[in-house]
C-alpha atoms as a PDB file:
ATOM      1  CA  MET A   1     120.658  66.558 106.940  1.00  0.00           C
ATOM      2  CA  ASP A   2     119.079  69.150 104.772  1.00  0.00           C
ATOM      3  CA  GLU A   3     119.652  69.155 101.088  1.00  0.00           C
ATOM      4  CA  GLU A   4     120.268  72.350  99.356  1.00  0.00           C
ATOM      5  CA  GLU A   5     117.754  73.354  96.719  1.00  0.00           C
ATOM      6  CA  PRO A   6     119.330  74.116  93.329  1.00  0.00           C
ATOM      7  CA  VAL A   7     119.541  77.787  92.595  1.00  0.00           C
ATOM      8  CA  ALA A   8     117.013  78.802  89.816  1.00  0.00           C
ATOM      9  CA  ARG A   9     118.760  80.641  87.040  1.00  0.00           C
ATOM     10  CA  ASN A  10     116.982  83.382  85.210  1.00  0.00           C
ATOM     11  CA  SER A  11     117.483  82.181  81.615  1.00  0.00           C
ATOM     12  CA  THR A  12     116.592  85.583  80.151  1.00  0.00           C
ATOM     13  CA  ARG A  13     118.855  87.536  82.565  1.00  0.00           C
ATOM     14  CA  VAL A  14     117.015  90.752  82.179  1.00  0.00           C
ATOM     15  CA  PRO A  15     118.018  93.461  84.639  1.00  0.00           C
ATOM     16  CA  GLU A  16     115.293  95.331  86.428  1.00  0.00           C
ATOM     17  CA  HIS A  17     113.780  98.317  84.737  1.00  0.00           C
ATOM     18  CA  PRO A  18     111.044 100.738  85.905  1.00  0.00           C
ATOM     19  CA  ALA A  19     107.686 100.267  84.247  1.00  0.00           C
ATOM     20  CA  SER A  20     106.725 102.942  81.785  1.00  0.00           C
ATOM     21  CA  HIS A  21     104.399 104.649  84.249  1.00  0.00           C
ATOM     22  CA  GLU A  22     107.124 104.645  86.974  1.00  0.00           C
ATOM     23  CA  ILE A  23     109.612 106.712  84.948  1.00  0.00           C
ATOM     24  CA  ALA A  24     110.104 109.914  86.801  1.00  0.00           C
ATOM     25  CA  LEU A  25     111.017 113.191  85.234  1.00  0.00           C
ATOM     26  CA  GLN A  26     113.499 113.999  88.054  1.00  0.00           C
ATOM     27  CA  ALA A  27     115.386 110.694  87.530  1.00  0.00           C
ATOM     28  CA  VAL A  28     115.490 111.244  83.755  1.00  0.00           C
ATOM     29  CA  LEU A  29     116.817 114.788  84.061  1.00  0.00           C
ATOM     30  CA  GLU A  30     119.399 113.776  86.592  1.00  0.00           C
ATOM     31  CA  ALA A  31     120.540 110.906  84.303  1.00  0.00           C
ATOM     32  CA  LEU A  32     120.699 113.212  81.276  1.00  0.00           C
ATOM     33  CA  VAL A  33     122.745 115.993  82.981  1.00  0.00           C
ATOM     34  CA  ASP A  34     125.993 113.980  82.376  1.00  0.00           C
ATOM     35  CA  PRO A  35     127.610 114.350  78.949  1.00  0.00           C
ATOM     36  CA  VAL A  36     128.782 110.686  78.803  1.00  0.00           C
ATOM     37  CA  ARG A  37     125.149 109.549  79.395  1.00  0.00           C
ATOM     38  CA  ARG A  38     123.855 111.946  76.768  1.00  0.00           C
ATOM     39  CA  SER A  39     126.335 110.452  74.346  1.00  0.00           C
ATOM     40  CA  ILE A  40     125.114 106.933  75.050  1.00  0.00           C
ATOM     41  CA  VAL A  41     121.535 108.140  74.446  1.00  0.00           C
ATOM     42  CA  SER A  42     122.611 109.813  71.197  1.00  0.00           C
ATOM     43  CA  GLN A  43     124.496 106.799  69.955  1.00  0.00           C
ATOM     44  CA  LEU A  44     121.458 104.551  70.734  1.00  0.00           C
ATOM     45  CA  ASN A  45     119.085 107.030  68.931  1.00  0.00           C
ATOM     46  CA  GLU A  46     121.256 106.897  65.868  1.00  0.00           C
ATOM     47  CA  ALA A  47     121.701 103.118  65.849  1.00  0.00           C
ATOM     48  CA  PRO A  48     119.617 100.883  63.543  1.00  0.00           C
ATOM     49  CA  ALA A  49     119.696  98.039  66.161  1.00  0.00           C
ATOM     50  CA  ASP A  50     120.583  97.419  69.866  1.00  0.00           C
ATOM     51  CA  ILE A  51     124.155  98.107  70.858  1.00  0.00           C
ATOM     52  CA  SER A  52     126.232  95.946  73.294  1.00  0.00           C
ATOM     53  CA  CYS A  53     127.956  97.868  76.074  1.00  0.00           C
ATOM     54  CA  GLY A  54     131.458  97.332  74.712  1.00  0.00           C
ATOM     55  CA  ASN A  55     130.570  98.852  71.289  1.00  0.00           C
ATOM     56  CA  PHE A  56     129.908 102.378  72.376  1.00  0.00           C
ATOM     57  CA  ASP A  57     132.449 105.144  71.598  1.00  0.00           C
ATOM     58  CA  LEU A  58     132.923 106.491  75.154  1.00  0.00           C
ATOM     59  CA  PRO A  59     135.808 108.411  76.791  1.00  0.00           C
ATOM     60  CA  VAL A  60     135.657 106.517  80.104  1.00  0.00           C
ATOM     61  CA  ALA A  61     136.931 103.226  81.457  1.00  0.00           C
ATOM     62  CA  ARG A  62     134.695 100.105  81.241  1.00  0.00           C
ATOM     63  CA  SER A  63     133.860 100.260  85.033  1.00  0.00           C
ATOM     64  CA  THR A  64     132.767 103.880  84.645  1.00  0.00           C
ATOM     65  CA  ALA A  65     130.746 103.045  81.561  1.00  0.00           C
ATOM     66  CA  THR A  66     128.983 100.324  83.525  1.00  0.00           C
ATOM     67  CA  HIS A  67     127.963 102.938  86.114  1.00  0.00           C
ATOM     68  CA  HIS A  68     126.548 105.199  83.411  1.00  0.00           C
ATOM     69  CA  PHE A  69     124.538 102.341  81.857  1.00  0.00           C
ATOM     70  CA  ASN A  70     123.111 101.466  85.230  1.00  0.00           C
ATOM     71  CA  VAL A  71     122.021 105.167  85.859  1.00  0.00           C
ATOM     72  CA  LEU A  72     120.341 105.265  82.486  1.00  0.00           C
ATOM     73  CA  ARG A  73     118.590 101.913  83.014  1.00  0.00           C
ATOM     74  CA  GLU A  74     117.364 102.780  86.513  1.00  0.00           C
ATOM     75  CA  ALA A  75     116.025 106.086  85.278  1.00  0.00           C
ATOM     76  CA  GLY A  76     114.061 104.264  82.548  1.00  0.00           C
ATOM     77  CA  ILE A  77     115.904 105.702  79.637  1.00  0.00           C
ATOM     78  CA  ILE A  78     117.445 102.549  78.273  1.00  0.00           C
ATOM     79  CA  ARG A  79     116.406  98.886  78.411  1.00  0.00           C
ATOM     80  CA  GLN A  80     119.058  96.201  78.702  1.00  0.00           C
ATOM     81  CA  HIS A  81     118.944  92.471  77.951  1.00  0.00           C
ATOM     82  CA  TYR A  82     121.555  89.758  77.374  1.00  0.00           C
ATOM     83  CA  VAL A  83     122.329  88.051  74.080  1.00  0.00           C
ATOM     84  CA  GLY A  84     124.805  85.393  75.015  1.00  0.00           C
ATOM     85  CA  THR A  85     127.358  87.090  77.163  1.00  0.00           C
ATOM     86  CA  SER A  86     126.711  90.589  75.756  1.00  0.00           C
ATOM     87  CA  ARG A  87     124.594  93.089  77.557  1.00  0.00           C
ATOM     88  CA  MET A  88     122.624  94.813  74.850  1.00  0.00           C
ATOM     89  CA  ASN A  89     121.089  98.280  75.098  1.00  0.00           C
ATOM     90  CA  THR A  90     118.057  99.895  73.475  1.00  0.00           C
ATOM     91  CA  LEU A  91     116.602 103.303  73.977  1.00  0.00           C
ATOM     92  CA  ARG A  92     113.091 103.423  75.476  1.00  0.00           C
ATOM     93  CA  ARG A  93     111.983 106.069  72.986  1.00  0.00           C
ATOM     94  CA  ASP A  94     108.330 105.115  72.960  1.00  0.00           C
ATOM     95  CA  ASP A  95     108.092 105.125  76.675  1.00  0.00           C
ATOM     96  CA  LEU A  96     109.909 108.427  77.075  1.00  0.00           C
ATOM     97  CA  ASP A  97     107.961 110.016  74.229  1.00  0.00           C
ATOM     98  CA  ASP A  98     104.721 109.000  75.907  1.00  0.00           C
ATOM     99  CA  ARG A  99     105.717 110.284  79.295  1.00  0.00           C
ATOM    100  CA  PHE A 100     107.620 113.418  78.294  1.00  0.00           C
ATOM    101  CA  PRO A 101     106.876 114.403  74.722  1.00  0.00           C
ATOM    102  CA  GLY A 102     109.860 116.239  73.023  1.00  0.00           C
ATOM    103  CA  LEU A 103     112.382 115.732  75.861  1.00  0.00           C
ATOM    104  CA  LEU A 104     114.358 112.916  74.076  1.00  0.00           C
ATOM    105  CA  ASP A 105     114.420 114.915  70.859  1.00  0.00           C
ATOM    106  CA  ALA A 106     115.699 118.032  72.641  1.00  0.00           C
ATOM    107  CA  CYS A 107     118.394 115.931  74.405  1.00  0.00           C
ATOM    108  CA  VAL A 108     119.667 114.300  71.230  1.00  0.00           C
ATOM    109  CA  SER A 109     119.541 117.590  69.359  1.00  0.00           C
ATOM    110  CA  GLU A 110     121.679 119.180  72.119  1.00  0.00           C
ATOM    111  CA  VAL A 111     124.211 116.443  71.926  1.00  0.00           C
ATOM    112  CA  GLY A 112     124.649 117.218  68.212  1.00  0.00           C
ATOM    113  CA  SER A 113     125.131 120.915  68.934  1.00  0.00           C
ATOM    114  CA  GLU A 114     127.660 120.113  71.625  1.00  0.00           C
ATOM    115  CA  SER A 115     129.596 118.003  69.218  1.00  0.00           C
ATOM    116  CA  ALA A 116     129.588 120.663  66.563  1.00  0.00           C
ATOM    117  CA  ARG A 117     130.838 123.282  69.155  1.00  0.00           C
ATOM    118  CA  THR A 118     133.586 120.969  70.283  1.00  0.00           C
ATOM    119  CA  ALA A 119     134.692 120.269  66.760  1.00  0.00           C
ATOM    120  CA  ALA A 120     134.850 123.992  65.848  1.00  0.00           C
END
């Protein structure tokens, strides 16, 4: 009778992210086309520390927000890691600025302009 081997648990539980040299402009642009994802990026840019998924101000359901976080992570725009049961998010500003100088600043600036137009 074969004994089952215990399943190794990844204690750090870090989702997969593209390496900085693998971040593709096409994937970044496709991720940033959505206003909800641009809002996530803007909120991360303004935050003094990492933000858990549940602490963003988003106009979508939790399951939809999860999709948006996955798109941003897979494009290389954010990095995610767990702290306890919370999935924390951080902006990969250094990686993006190295690969595509000025792109992130333009995106964040545009989100501010969109907010001002909507409020007027």
